C-alpha atoms as a PDB file:
ATOM      1  CA  MET A   1      -2.992  34.980   5.262  1.00  0.00           C
ATOM      2  CA  ALA A   2      -0.118  33.312   6.746  1.00  0.00           C
ATOM      3  CA  LYS A   3       2.997  34.999   7.052  1.00  0.00           C
ATOM      4  CA  ILE A   4       6.617  33.592   6.664  1.00  0.00           C
ATOM      5  CA  HIS A   5       6.962  33.040  10.712  1.00  0.00           C
ATOM      6  CA  ASP A   6       3.714  31.574  11.157  1.00  0.00           C
ATOM      7  CA  ILE A   7       5.206  28.005   9.848  1.00  0.00           C
ATOM      8  CA  GLY A   8       2.293  25.296  11.469  1.00  0.00           C
ATOM      9  CA  SER A   9       3.634  22.121  11.996  1.00  0.00           C
ATOM     10  CA  VAL A  10       6.927  20.439  10.564  1.00  0.00           C
ATOM     11  CA  SER A  11       6.205  16.982   9.666  1.00  0.00           C
ATOM     12  CA  TYR A  12       9.296  14.915   8.989  1.00  0.00           C
ATOM     13  CA  ARG A  13       9.333  10.837   8.834  1.00  0.00           C
ATOM     14  CA  PRO A  14      12.750   8.744   8.349  1.00  0.00           C
ATOM     15  CA  GLU A  15      11.295   7.786   4.735  1.00  0.00           C
ATOM     16  CA  ARG A  16      11.156  11.510   3.577  1.00  0.00           C
ATOM     17  CA  LYS A  17      14.393  13.242   2.343  1.00  0.00           C
ATOM     18  CA  HIS A  18      13.439  16.801   3.894  1.00  0.00           C
ATOM     19  CA  PRO A  19      10.999  17.944   6.349  1.00  0.00           C
ATOM     20  CA  ARG A  20       7.538  19.348   5.326  1.00  0.00           C
ATOM     21  CA  PHE A  21       6.492  22.620   6.475  1.00  0.00           C
ATOM     22  CA  SER A  22       2.592  23.270   6.688  1.00  0.00           C
ATOM     23  CA  ILE A  23       2.253  27.126   5.133  1.00  0.00           C
ATOM     24  CA  ARG A  24      -0.359  28.341   3.041  1.00  0.00           C
ATOM     25  CA  TYR A  25       0.442  30.873   0.401  1.00  0.00           C
ATOM     26  CA  PRO A  26      -1.324  31.837  -3.029  1.00  0.00           C
ATOM     27  CA  ALA A  27       0.224  29.640  -5.861  1.00  0.00           C
ATOM     28  CA  HIS A  28       0.169  30.138  -9.636  1.00  0.00           C
ATOM     29  CA  VAL A  29       0.476  26.686 -11.299  1.00  0.00           C
ATOM     30  CA  MET A  30       1.286  26.574 -15.046  1.00  0.00           C
ATOM     31  CA  ILE A  31       0.496  23.227 -16.641  1.00  0.00           C
ATOM     32  CA  ARG A  32       2.555  21.911 -19.920  1.00  0.00           C
ATOM     33  CA  SER A  33       1.271  19.194 -22.002  1.00  0.00           C
ATOM     34  CA  GLY A  34       2.938  18.865 -25.238  1.00  0.00           C
ATOM     35  CA  ASN A  35       2.527  22.173 -27.039  1.00  0.00           C
ATOM     36  CA  GLU A  36      -0.351  23.521 -25.088  1.00  0.00           C
ATOM     37  CA  GLY A  37      -0.571  24.806 -21.568  1.00  0.00           C
ATOM     38  CA  SER A  38      -3.090  26.149 -18.753  1.00  0.00           C
ATOM     39  CA  GLU A  39      -2.901  27.774 -15.476  1.00  0.00           C
ATOM     40  CA  LEU A  40      -4.607  27.441 -12.601  1.00  0.00           C
ATOM     41  CA  GLN A  41      -4.607  29.352  -9.235  1.00  0.00           C
ATOM     42  CA  GLY A  42      -4.419  27.881  -5.825  1.00  0.00           C
ATOM     43  CA  TYR A  43      -2.588  27.616  -2.296  1.00  0.00           C
ATOM     44  CA  THR A  44       0.155  25.799  -0.824  1.00  0.00           C
ATOM     45  CA  SER A  45      -0.768  23.049   1.962  1.00  0.00           C
ATOM     46  CA  ASN A  46       2.756  21.784   2.462  1.00  0.00           C
ATOM     47  CA  ILE A  47       6.360  22.447   1.231  1.00  0.00           C
ATOM     48  CA  SER A  48       9.665  21.019   1.400  1.00  0.00           C
ATOM     49  CA  LEU A  49      13.015  21.927  -0.296  1.00  0.00           C
ATOM     50  CA  GLU A  50      12.304  19.502  -3.252  1.00  0.00           C
ATOM     51  CA  GLY A  51       8.392  19.344  -3.400  1.00  0.00           C
ATOM     52  CA  VAL A  52       5.244  21.010  -2.782  1.00  0.00           C
ATOM     53  CA  LEU A  53       1.646  19.834  -2.106  1.00  0.00           C
ATOM     54  CA  LEU A  54      -1.183  22.155  -3.848  1.00  0.00           C
ATOM     55  CA  GLU A  55      -4.391  22.632  -3.366  1.00  0.00           C
ATOM     56  CA  VAL A  56      -6.448  23.704  -6.972  1.00  0.00           C
ATOM     57  CA  GLU A  57      -9.947  23.615  -7.972  1.00  0.00           C
ATOM     58  CA  SER A  58      -8.941  21.481 -11.041  1.00  0.00           C
ATOM     59  CA  PRO A  59      -7.191  17.804 -11.220  1.00  0.00           C
ATOM     60  CA  ILE A  60      -3.864  17.561 -13.239  1.00  0.00           C
ATOM     61  CA  SER A  61      -2.917  14.339 -14.208  1.00  0.00           C
ATOM     62  CA  PRO A  62       0.111  12.358 -12.834  1.00  0.00           C
ATOM     63  CA  GLY A  63       3.128  12.666 -14.879  1.00  0.00           C
ATOM     64  CA  CYS A  64       2.305  16.563 -16.085  1.00  0.00           C
ATOM     65  CA  ASN A  65       5.244  18.773 -15.949  1.00  0.00           C
ATOM     66  CA  VAL A  66       4.295  21.698 -14.094  1.00  0.00           C
ATOM     67  CA  SER A  67       5.874  25.234 -12.955  1.00  0.00           C
ATOM     68  CA  PHE A  68       4.502  27.120  -9.907  1.00  0.00           C
ATOM     69  CA  ALA A  69       5.229  30.664  -8.533  1.00  0.00           C
ATOM     70  CA  ILE A  70       4.337  30.822  -4.539  1.00  0.00           C
ATOM     71  CA  THR A  71       3.786  34.313  -3.266  1.00  0.00           C
ATOM     72  CA  VAL A  72       4.846  35.140  -0.027  1.00  0.00           C
ATOM     73  CA  GLN A  73       3.389  38.504   0.510  1.00  0.00           C
ATOM     74  CA  GLU A  74       4.697  39.857   3.604  1.00  0.00           C
ATOM     75  CA  HIS A  75       8.444  38.887   4.514  1.00  0.00           C
ATOM     76  CA  PRO A  76       9.624  41.109   7.519  1.00  0.00           C
ATOM     77  CA  ILE A  77      13.156  41.802   5.750  1.00  0.00           C
ATOM     78  CA  VAL A  78      12.671  41.563   2.179  1.00  0.00           C
ATOM     79  CA  GLY A  79       8.648  42.570   1.694  1.00  0.00           C
ATOM     80  CA  PRO A  80       6.815  40.405  -0.880  1.00  0.00           C
ATOM     81  CA  LEU A  81       8.663  37.718  -2.760  1.00  0.00           C
ATOM     82  CA  GLN A  82       7.884  34.535  -5.282  1.00  0.00           C
ATOM     83  CA  LEU A  83       9.484  31.141  -4.982  1.00  0.00           C
ATOM     84  CA  VAL A  84       9.350  29.585  -8.399  1.00  0.00           C
ATOM     85  CA  ALA A  85      10.012  25.907  -9.265  1.00  0.00           C
ATOM     86  CA  GLU A  86       9.615  23.532 -11.834  1.00  0.00           C
ATOM     87  CA  GLY A  87       8.559  19.819 -11.345  1.00  0.00           C
ATOM     88  CA  GLU A  88       6.134  16.822 -12.152  1.00  0.00           C
ATOM     89  CA  VAL A  89       2.789  15.788 -10.594  1.00  0.00           C
ATOM     90  CA  VAL A  90       3.339  12.679  -8.870  1.00  0.00           C
ATOM     91  CA  ARG A  91      -0.193  12.309  -6.880  1.00  0.00           C
ATOM     92  CA  VAL A  92      -3.618  13.867  -7.078  1.00  0.00           C
ATOM     93  CA  GLU A  93      -6.416  13.142  -4.737  1.00  0.00           C
ATOM     94  CA  PRO A  94      -9.736  14.812  -4.182  1.00  0.00           C
ATOM     95  CA  ARG A  95     -10.074  16.938  -0.907  1.00  0.00           C
ATOM     96  CA  LEU A  96     -13.325  15.996   1.508  1.00  0.00           C
ATOM     97  CA  SER A  97     -14.801  19.250   0.133  1.00  0.00           C
ATOM     98  CA  GLY A  98     -15.313  17.744  -3.462  1.00  0.00           C
ATOM     99  CA  ARG A  99     -14.470  21.207  -4.799  1.00  0.00           C
ATOM    100  CA  GLU A 100     -10.581  20.744  -4.584  1.00  0.00           C
ATOM    101  CA  PHE A 101      -7.711  18.621  -5.415  1.00  0.00           C
ATOM    102  CA  ALA A 102      -4.534  18.025  -3.550  1.00  0.00           C
ATOM    103  CA  ILE A 103      -1.581  17.600  -6.163  1.00  0.00           C
ATOM    104  CA  ALA A 104       1.618  16.572  -4.961  1.00  0.00           C
ATOM    105  CA  VAL A 105       4.608  18.032  -7.056  1.00  0.00           C
ATOM    106  CA  LYS A 106       8.232  16.580  -7.099  1.00  0.00           C
ATOM    107  CA  CYS A 107      10.612  19.149  -8.010  1.00  0.00           C
ATOM    108  CA  LYS A 108      12.969  18.827 -10.628  1.00  0.00           C
ATOM    109  CA  GLY A 109      15.631  20.696  -8.263  1.00  0.00           C
ATOM    110  CA  PRO A 110      15.452  21.990  -4.960  1.00  0.00           C
ATOM    111  CA  ILE A 111      13.685  25.111  -3.806  1.00  0.00           C
ATOM    112  CA  SER A 112      17.007  26.658  -2.568  1.00  0.00           C
ATOM    113  CA  GLN A 113      15.295  29.994  -1.807  1.00  0.00           C
ATOM    114  CA  LEU A 114      12.830  28.437   0.710  1.00  0.00           C
ATOM    115  CA  ALA A 115      15.645  27.503   3.021  1.00  0.00           C
ATOM    116  CA  ASP A 116      16.984  31.350   3.086  1.00  0.00           C
ATOM    117  CA  TYR A 117      13.703  32.314   4.442  1.00  0.00           C
ATOM    118  CA  LEU A 118      12.783  29.701   7.079  1.00  0.00           C
ATOM    119  CA  PRO A 119      13.618  30.382  10.732  1.00  0.00           C
ATOM    120  CA  ALA A 120      16.717  28.451  11.908  1.00  0.00           C
ATOM    121  CA  SER A 121      14.458  26.735  14.622  1.00  0.00           C
ATOM    122  CA  ALA A 122      12.266  25.100  11.997  1.00  0.00           C
ATOM    123  CA  SER A 123      15.250  23.905  10.012  1.00  0.00           C
END
């Protein structure tokens, strides 16, 4: 499992508001549709201050509201922690494996906790 300092590549294009960090952590996704809800387990593929790309085994319809908790299991200073946010599914794409889906979520607010734990060299 990746550690917080094992941030792969940083992807930033001028049309993006914030850089994306390629990190893979377990994610618990709660889907809300009307009065009903369901839950999925998955992983992050990349994350920015206002969005996340999740890999899950079931598709989630664009426009659905979701909340998610990302588990960072081994932080050298504070130990395990969870980053929590809410957002809207803006894109869904099947992965090449055919067993997973990439779910792009635009967060309703910044994932402010993330900036506190990224190394200064990655910011």
